[in-house]
């Protein structure tokens, strides 16, 4: 089902595909990970607030600021 939706896109470099990749790799629970998200498996805590979409850029900024 997932491929059918993506197959209809005219170009691969759109915000839709990037957003889907982020959702799939960080937010969506996976059966192969015992219903944990890949972020949880990698010990990335995205439970700073109720909006995980906003937590991703916040965590990324914190990580990069700590690297300087």
PDB file of N, CA and C in Angstrom:
ATOM      1  N   UNK A   1       0.821  -1.190   0.000  1.00  0.00           N
ATOM      2  CA  UNK A   1       0.000   0.000   0.000  1.00  0.00           C
ATOM      3  C   UNK A   1       0.865   1.253   0.000  1.00  0.00           C
ATOM      4  N   UNK A   2       1.909   1.251   0.786  1.00  0.00           N
ATOM      5  CA  UNK A   2       2.790   2.404   0.899  1.00  0.00           C
ATOM      6  C   UNK A   2       3.406   2.756  -0.449  1.00  0.00           C
ATOM      7  N   UNK A   3       3.842   1.759  -1.206  1.00  0.00           N
ATOM      8  CA  UNK A   3       4.483   1.990  -2.502  1.00  0.00           C
ATOM      9  C   UNK A   3       3.512   2.607  -3.493  1.00  0.00           C
ATOM     10  N   UNK A   4       2.232   2.248  -3.414  1.00  0.00           N
ATOM     11  CA  UNK A   4       1.252   2.796  -4.343  1.00  0.00           C
ATOM     12  C   UNK A   4       1.158   4.310  -4.205  1.00  0.00           C
ATOM     13  N   UNK A   5       1.175   4.804  -2.976  1.00  0.00           N
ATOM     14  CA  UNK A   5       1.082   6.245  -2.746  1.00  0.00           C
ATOM     15  C   UNK A   5       2.339   6.934  -3.262  1.00  0.00           C
ATOM     16  N   UNK A   6       3.491   6.407  -2.931  1.00  0.00           N
ATOM     17  CA  UNK A   6       4.748   7.031  -3.334  1.00  0.00           C
ATOM     18  C   UNK A   6       4.945   6.948  -4.838  1.00  0.00           C
ATOM     19  N   UNK A   7       4.471   5.880  -5.465  1.00  0.00           N
ATOM     20  CA  UNK A   7       4.632   5.696  -6.898  1.00  0.00           C
ATOM     21  C   UNK A   7       3.951   6.807  -7.681  1.00  0.00           C
ATOM     22  N   UNK A   8       2.928   7.423  -7.128  1.00  0.00           N
ATOM     23  CA  UNK A   8       2.194   8.467  -7.825  1.00  0.00           C
ATOM     24  C   UNK A   8       2.897   9.815  -7.852  1.00  0.00           C
ATOM     25  N   UNK A   9       3.977   9.984  -7.121  1.00  0.00           N
ATOM     26  CA  UNK A   9       4.691  11.259  -7.111  1.00  0.00           C
ATOM     27  C   UNK A   9       5.449  11.441  -8.418  1.00  0.00           C
ATOM     28  N   UNK A  10       5.497  12.662  -8.899  1.00  0.00           N
ATOM     29  CA  UNK A  10       6.185  12.946 -10.159  1.00  0.00           C
ATOM     30  C   UNK A  10       7.693  13.109  -9.978  1.00  0.00           C
ATOM     31  N   UNK A  11       8.109  13.536  -8.804  1.00  0.00           N
ATOM     32  CA  UNK A  11       9.531  13.736  -8.535  1.00  0.00           C
ATOM     33  C   UNK A  11       9.858  13.191  -7.154  1.00  0.00           C
ATOM     34  N   UNK A  12      11.074  12.732  -6.975  1.00  0.00           N
ATOM     35  CA  UNK A  12      11.461  12.158  -5.692  1.00  0.00           C
ATOM     36  C   UNK A  12      11.899  13.218  -4.676  1.00  0.00           C
ATOM     37  N   UNK A  13      12.384  14.343  -5.121  1.00  0.00           N
ATOM     38  CA  UNK A  13      12.907  15.376  -4.218  1.00  0.00           C
ATOM     39  C   UNK A  13      11.824  16.377  -3.841  1.00  0.00           C
ATOM     40  N   UNK A  14      10.892  15.927  -3.043  1.00  0.00           N
ATOM     41  CA  UNK A  14       9.830  16.804  -2.551  1.00  0.00           C
ATOM     42  C   UNK A  14       9.789  16.724  -1.036  1.00  0.00           C
ATOM     43  N   UNK A  15       9.219  17.716  -0.400  1.00  0.00           N
ATOM     44  CA  UNK A  15       9.084  17.653   1.060  1.00  0.00           C
ATOM     45  C   UNK A  15       8.268  16.448   1.523  1.00  0.00           C
ATOM     46  N   UNK A  16       7.394  15.953   0.668  1.00  0.00           N
ATOM     47  CA  UNK A  16       6.577  14.796   1.044  1.00  0.00           C
ATOM     48  C   UNK A  16       7.453  13.580   1.274  1.00  0.00           C
ATOM     49  N   UNK A  17       8.383  13.304   0.369  1.00  0.00           N
ATOM     50  CA  UNK A  17       9.231  12.117   0.531  1.00  0.00           C
ATOM     51  C   UNK A  17      10.186  12.281   1.705  1.00  0.00           C
ATOM     52  N   UNK A  18      10.693  13.478   1.915  1.00  0.00           N
ATOM     53  CA  UNK A  18      11.579  13.720   3.056  1.00  0.00           C
ATOM     54  C   UNK A  18      10.805  13.563   4.359  1.00  0.00           C
ATOM     55  N   UNK A  19       9.593  14.100   4.410  1.00  0.00           N
ATOM     56  CA  UNK A  19       8.756  13.956   5.602  1.00  0.00           C
ATOM     57  C   UNK A  19       8.401  12.504   5.869  1.00  0.00           C
ATOM     58  N   UNK A  20       8.128  11.756   4.818  1.00  0.00           N
ATOM     59  CA  UNK A  20       7.816  10.332   4.982  1.00  0.00           C
ATOM     60  C   UNK A  20       9.025   9.576   5.503  1.00  0.00           C
ATOM     61  N   UNK A  21      10.205   9.899   4.997  1.00  0.00           N
ATOM     62  CA  UNK A  21      11.429   9.250   5.462  1.00  0.00           C
ATOM     63  C   UNK A  21      11.658   9.550   6.951  1.00  0.00           C
ATOM     64  N   UNK A  22      11.467  10.787   7.354  1.00  0.00           N
ATOM     65  CA  UNK A  22      11.634  11.166   8.764  1.00  0.00           C
ATOM     66  C   UNK A  22      10.623  10.427   9.628  1.00  0.00           C
ATOM     67  N   UNK A  23       9.375  10.392   9.184  1.00  0.00           N
ATOM     68  CA  UNK A  23       8.338   9.687   9.936  1.00  0.00           C
ATOM     69  C   UNK A  23       8.696   8.208  10.079  1.00  0.00           C
ATOM     70  N   UNK A  24       9.095   7.587   8.987  1.00  0.00           N
ATOM     71  CA  UNK A  24       9.401   6.155   8.996  1.00  0.00           C
ATOM     72  C   UNK A  24      10.619   5.843   9.855  1.00  0.00           C
ATOM     73  N   UNK A  25      11.633   6.680   9.821  1.00  0.00           N
ATOM     74  CA  UNK A  25      12.887   6.396  10.513  1.00  0.00           C
ATOM     75  C   UNK A  25      12.934   6.860  11.965  1.00  0.00           C
ATOM     76  N   UNK A  26      12.046   7.743  12.375  1.00  0.00           N
ATOM     77  CA  UNK A  26      12.128   8.279  13.733  1.00  0.00           C
ATOM     78  C   UNK A  26      10.847   8.147  14.546  1.00  0.00           C
ATOM     79  N   UNK A  27       9.691   8.286  13.930  1.00  0.00           N
ATOM     80  CA  UNK A  27       8.457   8.429  14.688  1.00  0.00           C
ATOM     81  C   UNK A  27       7.583   7.181  14.661  1.00  0.00           C
ATOM     82  N   UNK A  28       7.551   6.476  13.564  1.00  0.00           N
ATOM     83  CA  UNK A  28       6.651   5.331  13.389  1.00  0.00           C
ATOM     84  C   UNK A  28       7.146   4.097  14.145  1.00  0.00           C
ATOM     85  N   UNK A  29       6.307   3.485  14.973  1.00  0.00           N
ATOM     86  CA  UNK A  29       6.697   2.236  15.636  1.00  0.00           C
ATOM     87  C   UNK A  29       6.867   1.111  14.612  1.00  0.00           C
ATOM     88  N   UNK A  30       7.856   0.255  14.832  1.00  0.00           N
ATOM     89  CA  UNK A  30       8.144  -0.845  13.913  1.00  0.00           C
ATOM     90  C   UNK A  30       7.940  -2.175  14.615  1.00  0.00           C
ATOM     91  N   UNK A  31       7.318  -3.122  13.912  1.00  0.00           N
ATOM     92  CA  UNK A  31       7.091  -4.449  14.478  1.00  0.00           C
ATOM     93  C   UNK A  31       8.409  -5.163  14.754  1.00  0.00           C
ATOM     94  N   UNK A  32       9.404  -4.968  13.897  1.00  0.00           N
ATOM     95  CA  UNK A  32      10.696  -5.622  14.074  1.00  0.00           C
ATOM     96  C   UNK A  32      11.471  -5.112  15.273  1.00  0.00           C
ATOM     97  N   UNK A  33      11.031  -3.997  15.823  1.00  0.00           N
ATOM     98  CA  UNK A  33      11.685  -3.414  16.995  1.00  0.00           C
ATOM     99  C   UNK A  33      10.784  -3.519  18.224  1.00  0.00           C
ATOM    100  N   UNK A  34       9.903  -4.508  18.224  1.00  0.00           N
ATOM    101  CA  UNK A  34       8.960  -4.701  19.334  1.00  0.00           C
ATOM    102  C   UNK A  34       8.117  -3.459  19.599  1.00  0.00           C
ATOM    103  N   UNK A  35       7.619  -2.867  18.531  1.00  0.00           N
ATOM    104  CA  UNK A  35       6.753  -1.678  18.563  1.00  0.00           C
ATOM    105  C   UNK A  35       7.459  -0.426  19.070  1.00  0.00           C
ATOM    106  N   UNK A  36       8.772  -0.435  19.089  1.00  0.00           N
ATOM    107  CA  UNK A  36       9.521   0.788  19.398  1.00  0.00           C
ATOM    108  C   UNK A  36       9.827   1.504  18.095  1.00  0.00           C
ATOM    109  N   UNK A  37      10.058   2.792  18.196  1.00  0.00           N
ATOM    110  CA  UNK A  37      10.475   3.537  17.023  1.00  0.00           C
ATOM    111  C   UNK A  37      11.979   3.372  16.848  1.00  0.00           C
ATOM    112  N   UNK A  38      12.480   3.570  15.621  1.00  0.00           N
ATOM    113  CA  UNK A  38      13.930   3.516  15.445  1.00  0.00           C
ATOM    114  C   UNK A  38      14.660   4.532  16.324  1.00  0.00           C
ATOM    115  N   UNK A  39      14.043   5.683  16.566  1.00  0.00           N
ATOM    116  CA  UNK A  39      14.661   6.679  17.442  1.00  0.00           C
ATOM    117  C   UNK A  39      14.790   6.141  18.864  1.00  0.00           C
ATOM    118  N   UNK A  40      13.753   5.472  19.348  1.00  0.00           N
ATOM    119  CA  UNK A  40      13.820   4.885  20.692  1.00  0.00           C
ATOM    120  C   UNK A  40      14.894   3.802  20.750  1.00  0.00           C
ATOM    121  N   UNK A  41      14.991   2.998  19.703  1.00  0.00           N
ATOM    122  CA  UNK A  41      15.999   1.945  19.663  1.00  0.00           C
ATOM    123  C   UNK A  41      17.408   2.534  19.677  1.00  0.00           C
ATOM    124  N   UNK A  42      17.572   3.708  19.046  1.00  0.00           N
ATOM    125  CA  UNK A  42      18.865   4.390  19.029  1.00  0.00           C
ATOM    126  C   UNK A  42      19.066   5.266  20.260  1.00  0.00           C
ATOM    127  N   UNK A  43      18.129   5.192  21.192  1.00  0.00           N
ATOM    128  CA  UNK A  43      18.157   5.961  22.439  1.00  0.00           C
ATOM    129  C   UNK A  43      18.095   7.473  22.204  1.00  0.00           C
ATOM    130  N   UNK A  44      17.306   7.864  21.210  1.00  0.00           N
ATOM    131  CA  UNK A  44      17.024   9.277  20.958  1.00  0.00           C
ATOM    132  C   UNK A  44      15.679   9.564  21.612  1.00  0.00           C
ATOM    133  N   UNK A  45      15.676  10.361  22.663  1.00  0.00           N
ATOM    134  CA  UNK A  45      14.454  10.643  23.396  1.00  0.00           C
ATOM    135  C   UNK A  45      13.684  11.756  22.702  1.00  0.00           C
ATOM    136  N   UNK A  46      12.555  11.407  22.114  1.00  0.00           N
ATOM    137  CA  UNK A  46      11.711  12.399  21.450  1.00  0.00           C
ATOM    138  C   UNK A  46      10.465  12.711  22.256  1.00  0.00           C
ATOM    139  N   UNK A  47      10.504  12.466  23.519  1.00  0.00           N
ATOM    140  CA  UNK A  47       9.340  12.714  24.364  1.00  0.00           C
ATOM    141  C   UNK A  47       9.491  13.998  25.176  1.00  0.00           C
ATOM    142  N   UNK A  48      10.143  14.994  24.597  1.00  0.00           N
ATOM    143  CA  UNK A  48      10.290  16.272  25.289  1.00  0.00           C
ATOM    144  C   UNK A  48       8.959  17.004  25.380  1.00  0.00           C
ATOM    145  N   UNK A  49       8.104  16.803  24.393  1.00  0.00           N
ATOM    146  CA  UNK A  49       6.775  17.397  24.399  1.00  0.00           C
ATOM    147  C   UNK A  49       5.832  16.416  23.721  1.00  0.00           C
ATOM    148  N   UNK A  50       4.618  16.815  23.511  1.00  0.00           N
ATOM    149  CA  UNK A  50       3.654  15.921  22.873  1.00  0.00           C
ATOM    150  C   UNK A  50       3.814  15.888  21.355  1.00  0.00           C
ATOM    151  N   UNK A  51       4.636  16.777  20.784  1.00  0.00           N
ATOM    152  CA  UNK A  51       4.803  16.848  19.337  1.00  0.00           C
ATOM    153  C   UNK A  51       6.196  16.359  18.941  1.00  0.00           C
ATOM    154  N   UNK A  52       6.289  15.115  18.504  1.00  0.00           N
ATOM    155  CA  UNK A  52       7.577  14.546  18.123  1.00  0.00           C
ATOM    156  C   UNK A  52       8.150  15.219  16.887  1.00  0.00           C
ATOM    157  N   UNK A  53       7.279  15.747  16.015  1.00  0.00           N
ATOM    158  CA  UNK A  53       7.769  16.442  14.826  1.00  0.00           C
ATOM    159  C   UNK A  53       8.572  17.682  15.210  1.00  0.00           C
ATOM    160  N   UNK A  54       8.186  18.367  16.268  1.00  0.00           N
ATOM    161  CA  UNK A  54       8.937  19.538  16.723  1.00  0.00           C
ATOM    162  C   UNK A  54      10.166  19.140  17.538  1.00  0.00           C
ATOM    163  N   UNK A  55      10.093  18.007  18.208  1.00  0.00           N
ATOM    164  CA  UNK A  55      11.232  17.550  19.004  1.00  0.00           C
ATOM    165  C   UNK A  55      12.442  17.183  18.141  1.00  0.00           C
ATOM    166  N   UNK A  56      12.210  16.666  16.941  1.00  0.00           N
ATOM    167  CA  UNK A  56      13.329  16.272  16.075  1.00  0.00           C
ATOM    168  C   UNK A  56      14.280  17.430  15.783  1.00  0.00           C
ATOM    169  N   UNK A  57      13.794  18.575  15.287  1.00  0.00           N
ATOM    170  CA  UNK A  57      14.744  19.671  15.044  1.00  0.00           C
ATOM    171  C   UNK A  57      15.356  20.236  16.325  1.00  0.00           C
ATOM    172  N   UNK A  58      14.594  20.243  17.423  1.00  0.00           N
ATOM    173  CA  UNK A  58      15.150  20.727  18.692  1.00  0.00           C
ATOM    174  C   UNK A  58      16.310  19.847  19.138  1.00  0.00           C
ATOM    175  N   UNK A  59      16.107  18.531  19.068  1.00  0.00           N
ATOM    176  CA  UNK A  59      17.173  17.599  19.464  1.00  0.00           C
ATOM    177  C   UNK A  59      18.374  17.716  18.537  1.00  0.00           C
ATOM    178  N   UNK A  60      18.125  17.917  17.258  1.00  0.00           N
ATOM    179  CA  UNK A  60      19.212  18.064  16.297  1.00  0.00           C
ATOM    180  C   UNK A  60      20.038  19.312  16.598  1.00  0.00           C
ATOM    181  N   UNK A  61      19.357  20.419  16.883  1.00  0.00           N
ATOM    182  CA  UNK A  61      20.080  21.650  17.233  1.00  0.00           C
ATOM    183  C   UNK A  61      20.892  21.483  18.508  1.00  0.00           C
ATOM    184  N   UNK A  62      20.310  20.839  19.515  1.00  0.00           N
ATOM    185  CA  UNK A  62      21.043  20.596  20.762  1.00  0.00           C
ATOM    186  C   UNK A  62      22.284  19.753  20.508  1.00  0.00           C
ATOM    187  N   UNK A  63      22.133  18.715  19.695  1.00  0.00           N
ATOM    188  CA  UNK A  63      23.260  17.842  19.387  1.00  0.00           C
ATOM    189  C   UNK A  63      24.381  18.621  18.706  1.00  0.00           C
ATOM    190  N   UNK A  64      24.031  19.423  17.698  1.00  0.00           N
ATOM    191  CA  UNK A  64      25.056  20.163  16.958  1.00  0.00           C
ATOM    192  C   UNK A  64      25.688  21.277  17.784  1.00  0.00           C
ATOM    193  N   UNK A  65      24.926  21.895  18.666  1.00  0.00           N
ATOM    194  CA  UNK A  65      25.509  22.920  19.558  1.00  0.00           C
ATOM    195  C   UNK A  65      26.499  22.293  20.527  1.00  0.00           C
ATOM    196  N   UNK A  66      26.221  21.084  20.986  1.00  0.00           N
ATOM    197  CA  UNK A  66      27.130  20.396  21.903  1.00  0.00           C
ATOM    198  C   UNK A  66      28.384  19.902  21.216  1.00  0.00           C
ATOM    199  N   UNK A  67      28.362  19.775  19.903  1.00  0.00           N
ATOM    200  CA  UNK A  67      29.515  19.301  19.155  1.00  0.00           C
ATOM    201  C   UNK A  67      30.550  20.411  18.928  1.00  0.00           C
ATOM    202  N   UNK A  68      30.117  21.673  19.077  1.00  0.00           N
ATOM    203  CA  UNK A  68      31.033  22.812  18.833  1.00  0.00           C
ATOM    204  C   UNK A  68      32.001  23.016  19.960  1.00  0.00           C
TER     205      UNK A  68
END
